[in-house]
Amino acid sequence: MSIEAQLQELRDFAKQNSLFVVTEYYESKTAKEPRREIFNEMLDEIEKGTAQGILAWNPDRLARNSIAGGRVIYLVDTLKIQSLKFPTFWFEATPQGKFMLSVAFGQAKYYTDNLRENILRGIRQKIRRGELSAKAPLGYFNEPRLRTIEPDPKNFKKIKTILEAFATGEYTLTAIQRKMFSLGLVGKDGKPPHLSSIAHILDNPFYYGVCRYRGELYQGSHKPMITKKLFDQIQKALLDNGKPRKKRGDKGFKFLDFATCGECGYCITAERKIKKSGKEYVYYRCTKKSKTRKCSQNRFLREPELAKQVIQNVQKVSLSDEWREKYLAKVNKWENENRHSSGLFAQNLREQLDEVKKKVDRLLDAHLEGALELAEYQQKKNALVEQKAGLQQKLSNFERKGNHWLELVRNWILEANQAKNLASTENFDEIKSFLKKIGSNQKIENQSLSIFWKSPWDYLAKAHAEGRSPEALTPSNREMWTQQVITRIH
């Protein structure tokens, strides 16, 4: 019964039995918890002598926990409570009556504990089936008819856009908050979402197809929004850019926030010097903010020299028109030969999936036999579930798109061919974005810029460094390229 219905029944009962009600108390908090402010206030008033009895709908309205039940019985024992009235339960302050009241309280607690266990069992079973037993995260909605979680047509693509944007590493939490607000993603109050809520979205494995329950990961049955690889990129960006920082203007410096010191790892800052002649010079140097590690990088790097090195690095990974045609011809040949190797690759992924499933089963057996503690079991199981989710997504993408990786190789060839044109434009905003996309860990040490190239750009850079033609797509490297392109570019 609702609180209002109970109150009306109790008022009618008090009128029929000529009971004088001093004060009415009602509380929406559950009686299974002992910390109920209004309930405790009522008992405090009885101890003061304000009233001598309690009228309630049922004993389980007073207590479904041992602390509250014991306090009520103690007040009956000390005659602070002289009368307990219930429309559904008869009570007298006799040894038998107090015994029956204790039984009623115990029965109410048993019902609560049993109900909780049944609910938890149902939740665990849903989790095993890959169904999240909770409110759907932003971008999804709870389907009441099927009792599943489905993509929200209104917000699914918006949240995916946000996750993909943050994975680039170019957004802080405050910047992504502004982007969410611009897309119409707001909190219940109509204001931008709180930063803590945004961090929870970015850290939620549900978006790549995995449910997290009590520290354990389970393979979900819902439609993933992103891949495991993108989720890992988001976690890295969250670690690097998660804390809100004041936005610093570039003050006309072309390469501010582009590289770090190769010796101590701290940021490279820029300074502008104006000579007496009026000529202006821009220098780049280490900030030397480390308090524990002394940095010996004392020499400045002039902006024209840094710009020259940036362009040279773009040229390292550029592809000439001649080699573009050779690469494209090689890809066309691969298309005709790819059927057999594609089947082998898919079979390899399936075998890896089967092996991961066997490891999860063996891990559970070890935990049940007492060989593994719960914390160690959960840690190892979560790693395997993440690996399994990644393999399933690779297999799904490969089976759905087939030779799509060859199209990715074509796009890479054309992009590498366009790099030489980009270098000639000297548009350093675009050049910096391009270098951050294909490389990472830009460092300046001893006035020299170095970049860690991502695959497959590292093959072009290596060929350039060795002074030879970029022959990475030779037949002998075909198997390696099949693996690298699918796993790195895809």
Protein backbone atom coordinates (compact mmCIF):
# COMPACT_ATOMS: atom_id res chain seq x y z
CA MET A 1 0.00 0.00 0.00
CA SER A 2 1.10 3.54 -0.61
CA ILE A 3 1.97 5.83 2.32
CA GLU A 4 -1.19 7.86 1.75
CA ALA A 5 -3.36 4.72 1.75
CA GLN A 6 -1.74 3.48 4.96
CA LEU A 7 -2.30 6.84 6.66
CA GLN A 8 -5.99 6.84 5.73
CA GLU A 9 -6.46 3.28 7.03
CA LEU A 10 -4.72 4.17 10.31
CA ARG A 11 -6.82 7.31 10.79
CA ASP A 12 -9.98 5.26 10.31
CA PHE A 13 -8.67 2.60 12.74
CA ALA A 14 -7.84 5.24 15.38
CA LYS A 15 -11.30 6.76 15.05
CA GLN A 16 -13.04 3.37 15.36
CA ASN A 17 -11.00 2.45 18.47
CA SER A 18 -11.13 5.91 20.12
CA LEU A 19 -7.34 6.35 19.97
CA PHE A 20 -5.91 9.84 20.47
CA VAL A 21 -3.10 10.46 17.96
CA VAL A 22 -0.52 12.95 19.24
CA THR A 23 1.61 13.17 16.06
CA GLU A 24 1.68 11.53 12.64
CA TYR A 25 5.02 10.38 11.26
CA TYR A 26 5.65 9.07 7.78
CA GLU A 27 8.96 8.17 6.18
CA SER A 28 9.79 6.95 2.68
CA LYS A 29 13.10 5.31 3.70
CA THR A 30 13.13 1.53 3.85
CA ALA A 31 12.74 -0.16 7.25
CA LYS A 32 15.54 -2.63 6.47
CA GLU A 33 18.11 0.07 7.31
CA PRO A 34 18.60 1.23 10.94
CA ARG A 35 19.48 4.85 10.08
CA ARG A 36 16.00 6.40 9.73
CA GLU A 37 15.87 9.95 11.08
CA ILE A 38 12.08 10.26 11.39
CA PHE A 39 11.68 6.81 12.98
CA ASN A 40 14.39 7.62 15.54
CA GLU A 41 12.76 11.01 16.21
CA MET A 42 9.46 9.23 16.96
CA LEU A 43 11.11 6.86 19.46
CA ASP A 44 12.93 9.79 21.08
CA GLU A 45 9.55 11.52 21.67
CA ILE A 46 8.17 8.32 23.24
CA GLU A 47 11.18 8.12 25.58
CA LYS A 48 10.41 11.71 26.65
CA GLY A 49 6.86 10.68 27.52
CA THR A 50 5.11 12.59 24.73
CA ALA A 51 3.07 9.47 23.89
CA GLN A 52 2.69 5.96 25.27
CA GLY A 53 2.07 3.91 22.15
CA ILE A 54 2.53 3.48 18.38
CA LEU A 55 -0.09 2.85 15.72
CA ALA A 56 1.32 1.36 12.50
CA TRP A 57 -0.06 -0.59 9.56
CA ASN A 58 2.08 -3.68 10.23
CA PRO A 59 5.11 -4.58 12.39
CA ASP A 60 7.27 -4.65 9.24
CA ARG A 61 6.55 -0.90 8.85
CA LEU A 62 8.42 -0.34 12.12
CA ALA A 63 11.40 -2.59 11.59
CA ARG A 64 12.93 -5.06 9.18
CA ASN A 65 16.33 -4.92 10.87
CA SER A 66 17.53 -6.23 14.22
CA ILE A 67 18.60 -2.83 15.65
CA ALA A 68 15.26 -1.04 15.19
CA GLY A 69 13.28 -4.15 16.23
CA GLY A 70 15.36 -4.55 19.38
CA ARG A 71 14.87 -0.91 20.33
CA VAL A 72 11.08 -1.17 20.01
CA ILE A 73 10.97 -4.34 22.17
CA TYR A 74 13.28 -2.70 24.76
CA LEU A 75 10.92 0.28 25.03
CA VAL A 76 8.06 -2.17 25.57
CA ASP A 77 10.09 -3.93 28.29
CA THR A 78 10.77 -0.61 30.08
CA LEU A 79 7.09 0.40 29.75
CA LYS A 80 7.97 3.44 27.67
CA ILE A 81 5.71 1.88 25.04
CA GLN A 82 2.54 0.65 26.74
CA SER A 83 0.57 -0.09 23.63
CA LEU A 84 1.27 -1.18 20.04
CA LYS A 85 -1.66 -1.18 17.64
CA PHE A 86 -1.77 -2.68 14.15
CA PRO A 87 -4.87 -3.16 11.94
CA THR A 88 -3.25 -6.34 10.59
CA PHE A 89 -1.60 -7.71 13.76
CA TRP A 90 -2.74 -8.21 17.35
CA PHE A 91 -0.32 -7.37 20.19
CA GLU A 92 -0.37 -7.28 23.99
CA ALA A 93 2.55 -6.38 26.27
CA THR A 94 2.83 -9.91 27.68
CA PRO A 95 5.75 -12.36 27.38
CA GLN A 96 3.81 -14.18 24.68
CA GLY A 97 2.94 -10.92 22.92
CA LYS A 98 6.57 -9.74 22.95
CA PHE A 99 7.70 -13.13 21.67
CA MET A 100 5.23 -12.94 18.78
CA LEU A 101 6.35 -9.36 18.06
CA SER A 102 9.97 -10.57 17.91
CA VAL A 103 8.85 -13.32 15.52
CA ALA A 104 7.06 -10.72 13.35
CA PHE A 105 10.17 -8.54 13.24
CA GLY A 106 12.34 -11.59 12.47
CA GLN A 107 9.91 -12.70 9.76
CA ALA A 108 10.05 -9.23 8.19
CA LYS A 109 13.86 -9.32 8.22
CA TYR A 110 13.87 -12.83 6.73
CA TYR A 111 11.52 -11.68 3.96
CA THR A 112 13.80 -8.70 3.20
CA ASP A 113 16.99 -10.80 3.20
CA ASN A 114 15.38 -13.50 1.06
CA LEU A 115 14.01 -10.93 -1.37
CA ARG A 116 17.46 -9.31 -1.64
CA GLU A 117 19.09 -12.67 -2.37
CA ASN A 118 16.50 -13.47 -5.05
CA ILE A 119 17.00 -10.07 -6.66
CA LEU A 120 20.79 -10.47 -6.64
CA ARG A 121 20.47 -13.95 -8.13
CA GLY A 122 18.33 -12.51 -10.93
CA ILE A 123 20.85 -9.73 -11.50
CA ARG A 124 23.73 -12.20 -11.66
CA GLN A 125 21.83 -14.31 -14.18
CA LYS A 126 21.13 -11.25 -16.35
CA ILE A 127 24.81 -10.32 -16.21
CA ARG A 128 25.78 -13.84 -17.31
CA ARG A 129 23.49 -13.40 -20.31
CA GLY A 130 25.26 -10.13 -21.09
CA GLU A 131 22.38 -7.89 -19.97
CA LEU A 132 23.13 -4.88 -17.79
CA SER A 133 20.70 -4.85 -14.84
CA ALA A 134 20.73 -1.09 -14.37
CA LYS A 135 19.73 2.13 -16.03
CA ALA A 136 21.11 2.33 -19.55
CA PRO A 137 24.06 4.72 -19.95
CA LEU A 138 23.72 7.86 -22.05
CA GLY A 139 23.34 6.91 -25.72
CA TYR A 140 21.19 3.85 -24.92
CA PHE A 141 17.72 3.31 -23.45
CA ASN A 142 15.99 0.53 -21.51
CA GLU A 143 13.50 -1.29 -23.73
CA PRO A 144 10.64 -2.14 -21.28
CA ARG A 145 8.90 -4.64 -23.54
CA LEU A 146 11.94 -6.81 -24.30
CA ARG A 147 13.79 -5.83 -21.11
CA THR A 148 16.93 -5.13 -23.09
CA ILE A 149 19.17 -2.11 -23.63
CA GLU A 150 18.99 -0.65 -27.13
CA PRO A 151 20.74 2.28 -28.91
CA ASP A 152 18.96 5.59 -28.36
CA PRO A 153 18.10 7.00 -31.82
CA LYS A 154 18.39 10.53 -30.43
CA ASN A 155 21.76 10.36 -28.67
CA PHE A 156 23.61 7.26 -29.89
CA LYS A 157 25.52 8.99 -32.69
CA LYS A 158 26.13 12.09 -30.56
CA ILE A 159 27.82 10.11 -27.79
CA LYS A 160 29.83 8.18 -30.37
CA THR A 161 31.01 11.50 -31.82
CA ILE A 162 32.05 12.64 -28.34
CA LEU A 163 33.98 9.45 -27.63
CA GLU A 164 35.77 9.58 -31.00
CA ALA A 165 36.63 13.24 -30.46
CA PHE A 166 38.09 12.66 -26.99
CA ALA A 167 40.14 9.70 -28.26
CA THR A 168 42.11 12.08 -30.49
CA GLY A 169 43.77 13.51 -27.36
CA GLU A 170 42.98 17.08 -28.42
CA TYR A 171 40.23 17.64 -25.81
CA THR A 172 40.29 18.15 -22.07
CA LEU A 173 37.25 17.33 -19.93
CA THR A 174 36.14 20.97 -19.99
CA ALA A 175 36.56 21.13 -23.78
CA ILE A 176 34.53 17.95 -24.30
CA GLN A 177 31.94 19.36 -21.89
CA ARG A 178 31.48 22.37 -24.19
CA LYS A 179 31.26 20.08 -27.23
CA MET A 180 28.58 17.95 -25.53
CA PHE A 181 26.57 21.06 -24.70
CA SER A 182 26.83 22.25 -28.32
CA LEU A 183 25.36 18.88 -29.43
CA GLY A 184 22.44 19.22 -27.03
CA LEU A 185 23.74 16.72 -24.46
CA VAL A 186 22.82 18.33 -21.14
CA GLY A 187 22.12 17.31 -17.56
CA LYS A 188 18.69 17.05 -15.93
CA ASP A 189 18.85 20.75 -15.05
CA GLY A 190 19.44 21.73 -18.68
CA LYS A 191 23.02 22.77 -17.92
CA PRO A 192 26.23 21.17 -19.28
CA PRO A 193 26.91 17.71 -17.78
CA HIS A 194 29.12 17.61 -14.70
CA LEU A 195 32.77 16.74 -15.31
CA SER A 196 32.44 13.68 -13.04
CA SER A 197 29.55 12.40 -15.18
CA ILE A 198 31.59 12.92 -18.35
CA ALA A 199 34.56 11.06 -16.84
CA HIS A 200 32.22 8.18 -15.96
CA ILE A 201 31.01 8.03 -19.58
CA LEU A 202 34.58 8.00 -20.89
CA ASP A 203 35.54 5.23 -18.45
CA ASN A 204 32.50 3.01 -19.03
CA PRO A 205 33.39 -0.29 -20.80
CA PHE A 206 29.70 -0.72 -21.72
CA TYR A 207 30.36 1.39 -24.83
CA TYR A 208 32.68 -1.23 -26.35
CA GLY A 209 30.34 -4.11 -25.53
CA VAL A 210 31.28 -5.20 -22.00
CA CYS A 211 29.24 -4.98 -18.76
CA ARG A 212 30.99 -4.17 -15.48
CA TYR A 213 29.37 -5.53 -12.29
CA ARG A 214 31.02 -5.45 -8.86
CA GLY A 215 34.50 -5.15 -10.31
CA GLU A 216 34.06 -7.97 -12.84
CA LEU A 217 33.67 -7.66 -16.61
CA TYR A 218 31.14 -9.72 -18.58
CA GLN A 219 30.64 -9.91 -22.33
CA GLY A 220 27.53 -7.86 -23.19
CA SER A 221 24.73 -8.78 -25.56
CA HIS A 222 24.01 -5.16 -26.57
CA LYS A 223 25.25 -3.34 -29.65
CA PRO A 224 28.72 -1.82 -29.02
CA MET A 225 29.15 1.87 -29.79
CA ILE A 226 32.95 1.85 -30.23
CA THR A 227 35.79 -0.65 -30.57
CA LYS A 228 38.06 -1.84 -27.77
CA LYS A 229 40.98 -0.12 -29.49
CA LEU A 230 39.18 3.24 -29.43
CA PHE A 231 38.25 2.69 -25.77
CA ASP A 232 41.94 2.18 -24.93
CA GLN A 233 42.79 5.40 -26.75
CA ILE A 234 40.13 7.19 -24.67
CA GLN A 235 41.69 5.85 -21.43
CA LYS A 236 45.09 7.14 -22.51
CA ALA A 237 43.63 10.54 -23.41
CA LEU A 238 41.75 10.57 -20.10
CA LEU A 239 45.02 10.00 -18.26
CA ASP A 240 46.85 12.67 -20.25
CA ASN A 241 44.14 15.33 -20.59
CA GLY A 242 41.57 14.45 -17.94
CA LYS A 243 42.34 17.28 -15.54
CA PRO A 244 40.88 20.68 -16.49
CA ARG A 245 43.61 23.14 -17.36
CA LYS A 246 43.64 26.79 -18.21
CA LYS A 247 43.75 27.30 -21.93
CA ARG A 248 47.00 28.88 -22.94
CA GLY A 249 47.11 31.03 -26.05
CA ASP A 250 49.81 30.29 -28.59
CA LYS A 251 50.79 34.01 -28.74
CA GLY A 252 51.76 33.58 -32.37
CA PHE A 253 54.14 30.68 -31.70
CA LYS A 254 53.78 28.05 -34.44
CA PHE A 255 54.99 25.02 -32.48
CA LEU A 256 53.83 25.59 -28.92
CA ASP A 257 52.43 22.41 -27.27
CA PHE A 258 53.86 20.31 -30.09
CA ALA A 259 56.88 18.57 -28.53
CA THR A 260 58.51 17.72 -25.21
CA CYS A 261 62.10 17.64 -24.03
CA GLY A 262 63.86 14.44 -25.09
CA GLU A 263 65.93 14.36 -21.91
CA CYS A 264 63.59 15.20 -19.00
CA GLY A 265 60.18 14.83 -20.70
CA TYR A 266 58.88 18.28 -19.77
CA CYS A 267 57.19 20.67 -22.19
CA ILE A 268 59.01 22.77 -24.75
CA THR A 269 58.21 26.46 -24.35
CA ALA A 270 58.74 29.37 -26.72
CA GLU A 271 60.26 32.83 -26.28
CA ARG A 272 60.23 35.88 -28.51
CA LYS A 273 63.32 38.11 -28.56
CA ILE A 274 63.45 41.51 -30.26
CA LYS A 275 66.90 42.87 -31.04
CA LYS A 276 67.82 46.55 -30.91
CA SER A 277 67.64 46.57 -34.68
CA GLY A 278 63.95 45.65 -34.41
CA LYS A 279 64.47 42.18 -35.82
CA GLU A 280 62.40 39.51 -34.11
CA TYR A 281 63.54 35.98 -33.23
CA VAL A 282 61.54 33.06 -31.80
CA TYR A 283 63.32 30.34 -29.81
CA TYR A 284 62.15 27.02 -28.39
CA ARG A 285 63.64 25.47 -25.24
CA CYS A 286 62.87 23.06 -22.36
CA THR A 287 60.86 24.52 -19.48
CA LYS A 288 63.13 22.65 -16.99
CA LYS A 289 60.37 22.25 -14.43
CA SER A 290 61.65 18.97 -13.04
CA LYS A 291 62.65 19.27 -9.37
CA THR A 292 64.17 15.79 -9.18
CA ARG A 293 65.98 15.48 -12.49
CA LYS A 294 68.48 17.99 -13.81
CA CYS A 295 68.14 18.72 -17.52
CA SER A 296 71.26 19.61 -19.52
CA GLN A 297 69.39 20.95 -22.56
CA ASN A 298 70.59 24.57 -22.44
CA ARG A 299 70.71 25.46 -26.12
CA PHE A 300 67.79 27.15 -27.89
CA LEU A 301 66.26 26.00 -31.17
CA ARG A 302 65.28 28.79 -33.52
CA GLU A 303 61.82 28.64 -35.08
CA PRO A 304 63.00 28.60 -38.74
CA GLU A 305 65.26 25.61 -37.96
CA LEU A 306 62.41 23.80 -36.15
CA ALA A 307 60.07 24.51 -39.07
CA LYS A 308 62.67 23.04 -41.44
CA GLN A 309 62.93 19.88 -39.34
CA VAL A 310 59.13 19.56 -39.18
CA ILE A 311 58.90 19.69 -42.98
CA GLN A 312 61.73 17.17 -43.27
CA ASN A 313 59.83 14.76 -41.04
CA VAL A 314 56.76 15.07 -43.26
CA GLN A 315 58.95 14.31 -46.26
CA LYS A 316 60.28 11.19 -44.50
CA VAL A 317 56.83 9.60 -44.68
CA SER A 318 55.81 10.94 -48.08
CA LEU A 319 55.51 8.72 -51.12
CA SER A 320 56.56 9.73 -54.62
CA ASP A 321 54.22 9.40 -57.60
CA GLU A 322 56.37 6.56 -58.95
CA TRP A 323 56.13 4.50 -55.78
CA ARG A 324 52.45 5.34 -55.40
CA GLU A 325 51.74 3.56 -58.67
CA LYS A 326 53.92 0.58 -57.66
CA TYR A 327 52.13 0.28 -54.33
CA LEU A 328 48.68 0.51 -55.91
CA ALA A 329 49.60 -2.17 -58.44
CA LYS A 330 50.76 -4.42 -55.60
CA VAL A 331 47.46 -3.90 -53.76
CA ASN A 332 45.49 -4.75 -56.91
CA LYS A 333 47.46 -7.97 -57.19
CA TRP A 334 46.78 -8.78 -53.55
CA GLU A 335 43.06 -8.41 -54.09
CA ASN A 336 43.13 -11.36 -56.46
CA GLU A 337 45.20 -13.51 -54.08
CA ASN A 338 43.55 -12.52 -50.82
CA ARG A 339 40.76 -15.07 -50.53
CA HIS A 340 42.90 -17.83 -49.10
CA SER A 341 44.88 -15.62 -46.69
CA SER A 342 41.68 -13.95 -45.45
CA GLY A 343 40.28 -17.34 -44.50
CA LEU A 344 43.48 -18.17 -42.61
CA PHE A 345 43.36 -14.87 -40.77
CA ALA A 346 39.72 -15.37 -39.73
CA GLN A 347 40.49 -18.93 -38.63
CA ASN A 348 43.41 -17.66 -36.56
CA LEU A 349 41.13 -15.18 -34.80
CA ARG A 350 38.57 -17.92 -34.04
CA GLU A 351 41.29 -20.15 -32.58
CA GLN A 352 42.48 -17.28 -30.38
CA LEU A 353 38.89 -16.75 -29.19
CA ASP A 354 38.50 -20.42 -28.30
CA GLU A 355 41.76 -20.32 -26.37
CA VAL A 356 40.63 -17.26 -24.38
CA LYS A 357 37.32 -18.98 -23.52
CA LYS A 358 39.22 -22.03 -22.26
CA LYS A 359 41.44 -19.80 -20.12
CA VAL A 360 38.36 -18.16 -18.54
CA ASP A 361 36.94 -21.61 -17.72
CA ARG A 362 40.24 -22.79 -16.23
CA LEU A 363 40.48 -19.56 -14.23
CA LEU A 364 37.01 -20.11 -12.76
CA ASP A 365 37.88 -23.71 -11.85
CA ALA A 366 41.03 -22.49 -10.07
CA HIS A 367 39.01 -19.92 -8.12
CA LEU A 368 36.34 -22.43 -7.10
CA GLU A 369 39.03 -24.87 -5.94
CA GLY A 370 40.58 -22.16 -3.75
CA ALA A 371 43.79 -21.80 -5.77
CA LEU A 372 43.02 -18.13 -6.56
CA GLU A 373 41.78 -15.38 -4.26
CA LEU A 374 38.74 -13.38 -5.39
CA ALA A 375 40.73 -10.20 -6.13
CA GLU A 376 43.32 -12.08 -8.20
CA TYR A 377 40.58 -14.01 -10.02
CA GLN A 378 38.70 -10.81 -10.90
CA GLN A 379 41.86 -9.10 -12.14
CA LYS A 380 42.87 -11.98 -14.40
CA LYS A 381 39.30 -12.55 -15.60
CA ASN A 382 38.83 -8.86 -16.51
CA ALA A 383 41.99 -8.95 -18.63
CA LEU A 384 40.74 -12.03 -20.48
CA VAL A 385 37.26 -10.55 -21.02
CA GLU A 386 38.84 -7.40 -22.49
CA GLN A 387 41.02 -9.55 -24.77
CA LYS A 388 37.99 -11.58 -25.81
CA ALA A 389 35.99 -8.43 -26.62
CA GLY A 390 38.84 -7.11 -28.76
CA LEU A 391 39.16 -10.38 -30.70
CA GLN A 392 35.39 -10.61 -31.25
CA GLN A 393 35.29 -7.09 -32.63
CA LYS A 394 38.23 -7.79 -34.97
CA LEU A 395 36.56 -10.96 -36.23
CA SER A 396 33.19 -9.23 -36.62
CA ASN A 397 34.75 -6.33 -38.53
CA PHE A 398 36.77 -8.68 -40.71
CA GLU A 399 33.79 -10.89 -41.57
CA ARG A 400 31.58 -7.87 -42.22
CA LYS A 401 34.03 -5.90 -44.33
CA GLY A 402 36.12 -8.68 -45.87
CA ASN A 403 38.80 -7.06 -48.00
CA HIS A 404 38.13 -3.64 -46.48
CA TRP A 405 41.71 -3.61 -45.20
CA LEU A 406 42.91 -3.40 -48.78
CA GLU A 407 40.87 -0.23 -49.19
CA LEU A 408 42.52 1.10 -46.05
CA VAL A 409 45.92 0.38 -47.58
CA ARG A 410 44.89 2.27 -50.72
CA ASN A 411 43.82 5.24 -48.63
CA TRP A 412 47.12 5.14 -46.76
CA ILE A 413 49.07 5.08 -50.03
CA LEU A 414 47.18 8.09 -51.35
CA GLU A 415 47.57 9.94 -48.02
CA ALA A 416 51.33 9.27 -48.03
CA ASN A 417 51.49 10.53 -51.60
CA GLN A 418 49.70 13.75 -50.59
CA ALA A 419 52.14 14.31 -47.70
CA LYS A 420 54.75 15.77 -50.06
CA ASN A 421 52.20 18.34 -51.25
CA LEU A 422 51.33 19.17 -47.63
CA ALA A 423 55.00 19.82 -46.85
CA SER A 424 55.24 22.32 -49.71
CA THR A 425 52.27 24.36 -48.45
CA GLU A 426 54.00 25.21 -45.13
CA ASN A 427 50.57 25.27 -43.48
CA PHE A 428 51.95 24.35 -40.06
CA ASP A 429 48.55 23.96 -38.37
CA GLU A 430 47.66 21.18 -40.81
CA ILE A 431 51.19 19.78 -40.73
CA LYS A 432 51.14 19.52 -36.91
CA SER A 433 47.74 17.79 -36.98
CA PHE A 434 49.03 15.38 -39.62
CA LEU A 435 52.17 14.54 -37.63
CA LYS A 436 50.19 14.02 -34.41
CA LYS A 437 47.87 11.68 -36.29
CA ILE A 438 50.57 9.45 -37.80
CA GLY A 439 53.13 9.76 -34.99
CA SER A 440 53.49 10.36 -31.28
CA ASN A 441 56.02 11.29 -28.62
CA GLN A 442 57.47 14.27 -30.47
CA LYS A 443 60.73 15.16 -28.71
CA ILE A 444 63.44 17.78 -29.07
CA GLU A 445 66.91 16.89 -27.84
CA ASN A 446 70.23 18.52 -28.76
CA GLN A 447 68.31 20.86 -31.11
CA SER A 448 66.98 17.89 -33.07
CA LEU A 449 63.32 16.88 -33.52
CA SER A 450 62.43 13.18 -33.38
CA ILE A 451 59.03 11.49 -33.81
CA PHE A 452 57.90 7.97 -32.95
CA TRP A 453 56.09 6.83 -36.10
CA LYS A 454 52.99 4.68 -35.91
CA SER A 455 52.65 1.65 -38.15
CA PRO A 456 52.70 1.58 -41.17
CA TRP A 457 54.26 5.05 -41.42
CA ASP A 458 57.35 3.76 -39.64
CA TYR A 459 58.23 1.65 -42.69
CA LEU A 460 58.44 4.72 -44.89
CA ALA A 461 60.47 6.61 -42.28
CA LYS A 462 62.86 3.66 -41.89
CA ALA A 463 63.33 3.37 -45.67
CA HIS A 464 64.06 7.11 -45.85
CA ALA A 465 66.57 6.90 -42.98
CA GLU A 466 68.38 3.99 -44.67
CA GLY A 467 68.56 5.87 -47.94
CA ARG A 468 66.69 3.26 -49.98
CA SER A 469 63.45 3.06 -51.92
CA PRO A 470 60.39 2.36 -49.74
CA GLU A 471 59.93 -1.32 -50.60
CA ALA A 472 57.78 -2.23 -47.61
CA LEU A 473 55.14 -3.75 -49.87
CA THR A 474 57.32 -6.48 -51.33
CA PRO A 475 55.81 -9.98 -51.61
CA SER A 476 57.96 -11.21 -48.71
CA ASN A 477 56.28 -8.71 -46.41
CA ARG A 478 52.76 -9.47 -47.51
CA GLU A 479 51.80 -11.57 -44.45
CA MET A 480 53.20 -8.92 -42.12
CA TRP A 481 51.21 -6.22 -43.92
CA THR A 482 48.02 -8.26 -43.70
CA GLN A 483 48.40 -8.38 -39.92
CA GLN A 484 49.67 -4.82 -39.41
CA VAL A 485 47.14 -3.03 -41.58
CA ILE A 486 44.14 -4.81 -40.13
CA THR A 487 45.20 -4.38 -36.52
CA ARG A 488 46.76 -0.91 -36.71
CA ILE A 489 44.85 1.02 -39.41
CA HIS A 490 41.47 -0.67 -39.11
